[in-house]
Protein backbone atom coordinates (compact mmCIF):
# COMPACT_ATOMS: atom_id res chain seq x y z
CA MET A 1 -13.26 14.93 -3.00
CA SER A 2 -10.89 15.03 -6.05
CA LYS A 3 -9.45 17.90 -8.04
CA TRP A 4 -10.22 18.20 -11.70
CA ARG A 5 -8.52 20.51 -14.23
CA CYS A 6 -10.04 21.77 -17.44
CA GLY A 7 -7.75 21.16 -20.29
CA VAL A 8 -9.05 24.24 -22.05
CA CYS A 9 -8.96 27.09 -19.58
CA GLY A 10 -7.04 25.40 -16.63
CA ILE A 11 -9.67 25.96 -13.92
CA VAL A 12 -9.24 23.54 -10.98
CA LEU A 13 -12.35 22.27 -9.35
CA ASP A 14 -12.74 20.48 -5.99
CA VAL A 15 -15.47 18.00 -6.93
CA ASP A 16 -16.08 14.27 -6.86
CA SER A 17 -16.36 14.16 -10.71
CA PRO A 18 -16.03 16.69 -13.46
CA PRO A 19 -19.02 18.80 -14.42
CA GLU A 20 -20.84 18.26 -17.66
CA VAL A 21 -19.49 21.64 -18.94
CA CYS A 22 -16.70 23.76 -17.53
CA PRO A 23 -18.19 26.63 -15.47
CA LYS A 24 -15.55 28.98 -16.80
CA CYS A 25 -15.17 28.30 -20.47
CA GLY A 26 -18.01 25.87 -21.27
CA ALA A 27 -15.70 23.02 -22.46
CA PRO A 28 -17.29 19.53 -22.35
CA LYS A 29 -16.70 17.04 -19.46
CA ASP A 30 -14.19 15.02 -21.59
CA LYS A 31 -11.80 18.01 -21.47
CA PHE A 32 -11.31 17.57 -17.72
CA SER A 33 -8.54 15.47 -16.25
CA GLN A 34 -8.18 14.35 -12.71
CA ILE A 35 -5.19 15.85 -10.92
CA PRO A 36 -2.89 13.21 -9.28
CA GLU A 37 -2.96 13.11 -5.51
CA ASP A 38 0.57 14.46 -5.11
CA GLN A 39 -0.17 17.40 -7.18
CA ALA A 40 -3.54 17.91 -5.55
CA ASN A 41 -1.87 17.97 -2.17
CA LEU A 42 0.55 20.59 -3.38
CA ILE A 43 -2.31 22.78 -4.58
CA ASP A 44 -4.04 22.39 -1.26
CA ARG A 45 -0.78 23.36 0.56
CA SER A 46 -0.07 26.32 -1.70
CA ARG A 47 -3.51 27.88 -1.59
CA LEU A 48 -2.88 29.43 1.91
CA SER A 49 0.51 30.81 0.87
CA ASN A 50 -0.94 32.19 -2.46
CA ASN A 51 -3.72 33.91 -0.52
CA LEU A 52 -1.32 35.48 1.96
CA HIS A 53 0.71 36.71 -0.96
CA MET A 54 -2.39 38.34 -2.49
CA GLU A 55 -3.32 39.96 0.80
CA ILE A 56 0.33 41.40 1.21
CA LEU A 57 0.15 42.63 -2.51
CA ASP A 58 -3.15 44.51 -1.65
CA ILE A 59 -1.48 46.12 1.37
CA MET A 60 1.59 47.08 -0.61
CA ILE A 61 -0.60 48.71 -3.31
CA LYS A 62 -2.20 50.70 -0.47
CA VAL A 63 1.23 51.61 0.94
CA ALA A 64 2.40 52.97 -2.43
CA GLU A 65 -0.80 55.03 -2.69
CA LEU A 66 -0.37 56.48 0.78
CA ALA A 67 3.27 57.17 0.24
CA GLN A 68 2.45 59.09 -3.01
CA LYS A 69 0.10 61.29 -1.04
CA GLY A 70 2.93 62.04 1.36
CA ILE A 71 5.26 62.70 -1.58
CA ASP A 72 2.66 65.10 -3.07
CA ASP A 73 2.29 66.84 0.26
CA ASN A 74 6.05 67.37 0.54
CA LEU A 75 5.90 68.73 4.11
CA ASP A 76 9.70 68.59 4.57
CA PRO A 77 12.83 66.78 3.35
CA GLY A 78 12.54 64.04 6.12
CA CYS A 79 8.95 63.19 5.32
CA LEU A 80 9.64 63.22 1.61
CA LYS A 81 12.50 60.77 2.10
CA ILE A 82 10.41 58.47 4.15
CA PHE A 83 7.51 58.48 1.78
CA THR A 84 9.77 58.05 -1.32
CA GLU A 85 11.46 55.08 0.34
CA ALA A 86 8.11 53.59 1.40
CA LYS A 87 6.80 53.89 -2.20
CA GLU A 88 9.92 52.34 -3.65
CA GLN A 89 9.92 49.39 -1.27
CA ALA A 90 6.16 48.84 -1.72
CA VAL A 91 6.56 48.72 -5.53
CA LEU A 92 9.51 46.39 -5.19
CA PHE A 93 7.56 44.07 -2.91
CA GLN A 94 4.63 44.07 -5.45
CA GLN A 95 6.95 42.93 -8.17
CA LYS A 96 8.61 40.26 -6.01
CA ILE A 97 5.23 38.87 -5.09
CA LYS A 98 4.01 38.82 -8.62
CA ALA A 99 7.21 36.92 -9.59
CA GLU A 100 6.72 34.49 -6.82
CA LEU A 101 3.09 33.77 -7.77
CA GLN A 102 4.18 33.24 -11.37
CA THR A 103 6.68 30.75 -10.11
CA HIS A 104 3.88 28.98 -8.16
CA MET A 105 1.72 28.92 -11.35
CA ASN A 106 4.53 27.51 -13.45
CA ARG A 107 5.17 24.77 -10.85
CA GLY A 108 1.46 23.82 -10.48
CA LYS A 109 1.16 25.36 -7.06
CA TRP A 110 -2.06 27.05 -8.00
CA GLY A 111 -5.59 26.10 -8.25
């Protein structure tokens, strides 16, 4: 199976040949180009890592939400310190993951 990219919207499809119309944007078949094998292999390798980044991002969003509940509860200074640090680190990790995913997209490690 080959990888094909729509030149209009950028969707990558794992198919033997491009569809008659793009399932995302409706562009005609001639707007698709086959992705070279080396780039296709990079996309395959990066899909696992990108999915792991997305899972961690979801967890960090939940950590920030939980930490905010602890901050709002404000039981005592020790708890407030832990919850505040947890929220700060969770937000920082979210931004780092987003930056890494942007790097992957810029380098063609996405699809």
